[in-house]
Amino acid sequence: PILQVSTAHSKWGGSSMLFDGNGDYLSAPASQMANLSSGQQFTIEVWIYTASTAAQHIFINNAASAYFDWAITASQKLFFRYNNAGNSVTSVASVPLNSWVHVAVCWTGTNIRQFINGTMDSATSTVAITAHTPGPMAIGYSLYGPIPQWFNGYIQIS
């Protein structure tokens, strides 16, 4: 699949990545940057423009021995999960369709917090994230599960 660059929709800069929900994704090889080990704090933020309410769309995923995924569920909730410790958080607010939304997830070492348009929406205390071997990153596609989960819309990385 060929990832498309679109000038039809962008939050800033005149273009964005277009994911048509049918095989488009962006990948990067494993790196230490994706090693979310115990004690390491992180923030991930992107601008998204969702164009579908179909099944859960994973838009960032680290497929490793312990992985994280960040998704928009079929009910349009923002969902972040770190698998090996069973940590997850689901947003209270829905992510609106057909408009640009800034979303962020932060792990402080003891809490996972999600933000929608700059406002903290949801948070949970976490079990310590254990060290693992980082795997490849994917934007726009879930690497797990029996049915592929593609993102349908536009993404701009902050």
Protein backbone atom coordinates (compact mmCIF):
# COMPACT_ATOMS: atom_id res chain seq x y z
CA PRO A 1 0.00 0.00 0.00
CA ILE A 2 1.10 3.50 -0.78
CA LEU A 3 0.69 6.12 1.92
CA GLN A 4 -0.89 9.22 0.46
CA VAL A 5 -0.09 12.82 1.22
CA SER A 6 -3.18 15.00 1.01
CA THR A 7 -3.47 18.74 0.51
CA ALA A 8 -7.29 18.53 0.84
CA HIS A 9 -7.18 18.46 4.65
CA SER A 10 -4.48 19.74 6.97
CA LYS A 11 -4.37 21.40 10.35
CA TRP A 12 -1.18 23.31 9.53
CA GLY A 13 1.55 23.21 6.89
CA GLY A 14 -0.72 22.55 3.91
CA SER A 15 -0.68 18.73 3.88
CA SER A 16 -1.33 15.66 6.02
CA MET A 17 -1.06 11.88 5.83
CA LEU A 18 -4.21 10.35 4.32
CA PHE A 19 -5.23 6.88 5.51
CA ASP A 20 -8.19 5.56 3.50
CA GLY A 21 -9.05 2.69 5.88
CA ASN A 22 -7.97 0.09 3.34
CA GLY A 23 -4.32 -0.87 3.70
CA ASP A 24 -2.50 2.43 4.22
CA TYR A 25 -0.04 2.71 7.09
CA LEU A 26 3.32 4.13 8.05
CA SER A 27 5.94 1.96 9.74
CA ALA A 28 9.29 2.49 11.41
CA PRO A 29 11.81 -0.13 12.56
CA ALA A 30 12.35 -0.95 16.21
CA SER A 31 14.30 1.66 18.13
CA GLN A 32 15.16 2.48 21.72
CA MET A 33 12.80 5.45 21.39
CA ALA A 34 9.92 2.94 21.58
CA ASN A 35 11.32 1.19 24.67
CA LEU A 36 8.79 2.34 27.23
CA SER A 37 10.53 0.85 30.20
CA SER A 38 9.93 1.31 33.91
CA GLY A 39 10.55 4.86 35.06
CA GLN A 40 10.72 6.35 31.57
CA GLN A 41 8.09 9.05 31.13
CA PHE A 42 6.63 9.81 27.71
CA THR A 43 4.11 11.90 25.80
CA ILE A 44 2.70 11.04 22.37
CA GLU A 45 0.64 13.64 20.54
CA VAL A 46 -0.95 13.90 17.10
CA TRP A 47 -3.63 15.80 15.22
CA ILE A 48 -6.31 13.47 13.83
CA TYR A 49 -9.27 13.90 11.50
CA THR A 50 -11.41 10.76 11.63
CA ALA A 51 -13.68 9.93 8.72
CA SER A 52 -15.39 6.72 9.91
CA THR A 53 -17.15 5.18 12.89
CA ALA A 54 -16.34 1.62 11.80
CA ALA A 55 -14.67 -0.89 14.12
CA GLN A 56 -11.79 0.18 16.34
CA HIS A 57 -9.05 2.00 14.43
CA ILE A 58 -5.58 1.62 15.88
CA PHE A 59 -3.40 4.53 14.91
CA ILE A 60 -0.21 3.99 16.89
CA ASN A 61 1.05 0.55 17.88
CA ASN A 62 4.37 -0.89 19.10
CA ALA A 63 4.42 -4.60 18.33
CA ALA A 64 6.94 -6.05 20.76
CA SER A 65 7.05 -8.53 23.62
CA ALA A 66 5.05 -5.94 25.54
CA TYR A 67 3.24 -3.44 23.37
CA PHE A 68 1.14 -0.32 23.57
CA ASP A 69 -1.72 0.67 21.37
CA TRP A 70 -3.71 3.83 21.00
CA ALA A 71 -7.04 3.67 19.26
CA ILE A 72 -10.39 5.20 18.58
CA THR A 73 -13.06 2.69 19.49
CA ALA A 74 -16.25 2.04 17.50
CA SER A 75 -18.03 4.32 20.00
CA GLN A 76 -15.52 7.10 19.14
CA LYS A 77 -13.68 6.95 22.48
CA LEU A 78 -9.93 7.46 22.70
CA PHE A 79 -8.34 4.32 24.16
CA PHE A 80 -4.74 3.71 25.29
CA ARG A 81 -3.43 0.37 26.55
CA TYR A 82 -0.05 -0.89 27.65
CA ASN A 83 -0.35 -4.64 27.38
CA ASN A 84 2.18 -6.37 29.61
CA ALA A 85 0.88 -4.76 32.80
CA GLY A 86 -2.79 -4.56 31.81
CA ASN A 87 -2.85 -0.77 32.05
CA SER A 88 -5.54 1.01 30.02
CA VAL A 89 -7.60 4.18 29.96
CA THR A 90 -10.66 5.13 27.87
CA SER A 91 -11.77 8.71 27.31
CA VAL A 92 -14.97 10.14 28.74
CA ALA A 93 -15.55 12.40 25.72
CA SER A 94 -16.04 11.14 22.21
CA VAL A 95 -13.65 12.09 19.43
CA PRO A 96 -15.72 14.06 16.87
CA LEU A 97 -15.89 12.96 13.25
CA ASN A 98 -14.83 15.12 10.33
CA SER A 99 -12.92 17.76 12.27
CA TRP A 100 -9.33 18.20 13.42
CA VAL A 101 -8.73 17.10 17.01
CA HIS A 102 -5.47 17.26 18.98
CA VAL A 103 -5.00 14.13 21.10
CA ALA A 104 -2.20 13.29 23.51
CA VAL A 105 -1.35 10.51 25.94
CA CYS A 106 1.19 10.93 28.76
CA TRP A 107 2.68 8.41 31.14
CA THR A 108 4.21 10.00 34.24
CA GLY A 109 5.62 6.84 35.77
CA THR A 110 2.55 6.34 37.93
CA ASN A 111 -0.36 7.60 35.78
CA ILE A 112 -1.63 7.41 32.22
CA ARG A 113 -3.40 10.60 31.15
CA GLN A 114 -5.24 11.32 27.91
CA PHE A 115 -5.91 14.78 26.53
CA ILE A 116 -8.40 15.89 23.88
CA ASN A 117 -7.86 19.37 22.44
CA GLY A 118 -5.56 20.31 25.31
CA THR A 119 -7.91 19.31 28.13
CA MET A 120 -7.21 16.28 30.30
CA ASP A 121 -10.09 13.91 29.63
CA SER A 122 -9.18 10.70 31.43
CA ALA A 123 -6.52 9.27 33.72
CA THR A 124 -5.71 6.12 35.66
CA SER A 125 -3.04 4.94 38.07
CA THR A 126 -0.78 2.31 36.58
CA VAL A 127 1.26 -0.69 37.46
CA ALA A 128 4.93 -0.12 36.66
CA ILE A 129 5.74 -0.62 33.00
CA THR A 130 8.41 -3.27 32.75
CA ALA A 131 11.36 -3.15 30.40
CA HIS A 132 10.92 -4.92 27.09
CA THR A 133 12.52 -5.28 23.70
CA PRO A 134 11.10 -2.59 21.42
CA GLY A 135 9.46 -3.65 18.17
CA PRO A 136 8.42 -1.89 14.99
CA MET A 137 6.07 1.08 15.15
CA ALA A 138 2.99 1.43 12.95
CA ILE A 139 0.78 4.43 12.38
CA GLY A 140 -2.60 3.74 10.83
CA TYR A 141 -2.74 -0.03 11.38
CA SER A 142 -3.01 -2.59 14.15
CA LEU A 143 -0.38 -5.31 13.99
CA TYR A 144 -2.42 -7.60 16.26
CA GLY A 145 -5.70 -9.46 16.04
CA PRO A 146 -7.47 -11.63 13.47
CA ILE A 147 -9.00 -8.69 11.58
CA PRO A 148 -6.83 -5.80 10.34
CA GLN A 149 -7.75 -2.48 11.95
CA TRP A 150 -6.97 0.44 9.66
CA PHE A 151 -7.26 4.14 10.39
CA ASN A 152 -9.65 6.04 8.12
CA GLY A 153 -8.91 9.75 8.02
CA TYR A 154 -5.98 12.14 8.26
CA ILE A 155 -3.08 12.34 10.71
CA GLN A 156 -0.54 15.08 11.33
CA ILE A 157 2.20 14.38 13.82
CA SER A 158 2.84 17.31 16.16
